[in-house]
């Protein structure tokens, strides 16, 4: 009888371990997603700035070409 009780206790312990792992994994995943979201938002500012600089450079180049032709 004790062997059966130990077997069930091992099952319960395993289930508790799995539950604890899931909680920690979810917390880790949440932290990762939050960090990635922050970095994506931050990168949008850099992308917008770079695109703005490229547009400005293209406009300057176009203006220079028009002044040479004129």
Protein backbone atom coordinates (compact mmCIF):
# COMPACT_ATOMS: atom_id res chain seq x y z
CA UNK A 1 0.00 0.00 0.00
CA UNK A 2 2.81 2.42 0.81
CA UNK A 3 4.31 1.87 -2.63
CA UNK A 4 1.06 2.96 -4.25
CA UNK A 5 0.92 6.06 -2.06
CA UNK A 6 4.52 6.92 -3.00
CA UNK A 7 3.69 6.47 -6.68
CA UNK A 8 0.78 8.86 -6.38
CA UNK A 9 2.89 11.33 -4.40
CA UNK A 10 5.48 11.21 -7.20
CA UNK A 11 2.73 12.01 -9.69
CA UNK A 12 1.50 14.92 -7.58
CA UNK A 13 5.05 16.23 -7.16
CA UNK A 14 5.59 16.00 -10.90
CA UNK A 15 2.35 17.84 -11.60
CA UNK A 16 3.35 20.57 -9.13
CA UNK A 17 6.75 20.86 -10.81
CA UNK A 18 5.10 21.20 -14.21
CA UNK A 19 2.71 23.87 -12.88
CA UNK A 20 5.61 25.82 -11.37
CA UNK A 21 7.55 25.55 -14.64
CA UNK A 22 4.55 26.90 -16.57
CA UNK A 23 4.21 29.88 -14.23
CA UNK A 24 7.91 30.71 -14.57
CA UNK A 25 7.84 30.17 -18.35
CA UNK A 26 4.84 32.47 -18.75
CA UNK A 27 6.52 35.15 -16.67
CA UNK A 28 9.66 34.85 -18.75
CA UNK A 29 7.65 35.00 -21.97
CA UNK A 30 5.81 38.10 -20.75
CA UNK A 31 9.09 39.84 -19.94
CA UNK A 32 10.47 38.94 -23.36
CA UNK A 33 7.37 40.19 -25.16
CA UNK A 34 7.37 43.43 -23.13
CA UNK A 35 11.04 44.02 -23.93
CA UNK A 36 10.53 43.27 -27.62
CA UNK A 37 7.51 45.59 -27.74
CA UNK A 38 9.53 48.39 -26.16
CA UNK A 39 12.40 47.87 -28.60
CA UNK A 40 10.06 47.76 -31.61
CA UNK A 41 8.48 51.02 -30.51
CA UNK A 42 11.89 52.58 -30.00
CA UNK A 43 13.09 51.39 -33.41
CA UNK A 44 10.08 53.04 -35.09
CA UNK A 45 11.46 56.42 -34.06
CA UNK A 46 14.84 55.59 -35.57
CA UNK A 47 13.22 54.33 -38.78
CA UNK A 48 11.08 57.46 -39.09
CA UNK A 49 14.14 59.63 -38.55
CA UNK A 50 16.15 57.73 -41.17
CA UNK A 51 13.29 57.86 -43.68
CA UNK A 52 12.94 61.60 -43.08
CA UNK A 53 16.66 62.10 -43.66
CA UNK A 54 16.49 60.07 -46.88
CA UNK A 55 13.54 62.11 -48.14
CA UNK A 56 15.31 65.36 -47.32
CA UNK A 57 18.45 64.20 -49.12
CA UNK A 58 16.40 63.18 -52.17
CA UNK A 59 14.65 66.56 -52.23
CA UNK A 60 17.97 68.38 -52.00
CA UNK A 61 19.39 66.26 -54.81
CA UNK A 62 16.32 66.91 -56.94
CA UNK A 63 16.53 70.66 -56.24
CA UNK A 64 20.23 70.66 -57.21
CA UNK A 65 19.43 68.89 -60.48
CA UNK A 66 16.72 71.40 -61.31
CA UNK A 67 19.03 74.35 -60.61
CA UNK A 68 21.75 72.90 -62.86
CA UNK A 69 19.28 72.44 -65.73
CA UNK A 70 17.81 75.89 -65.30
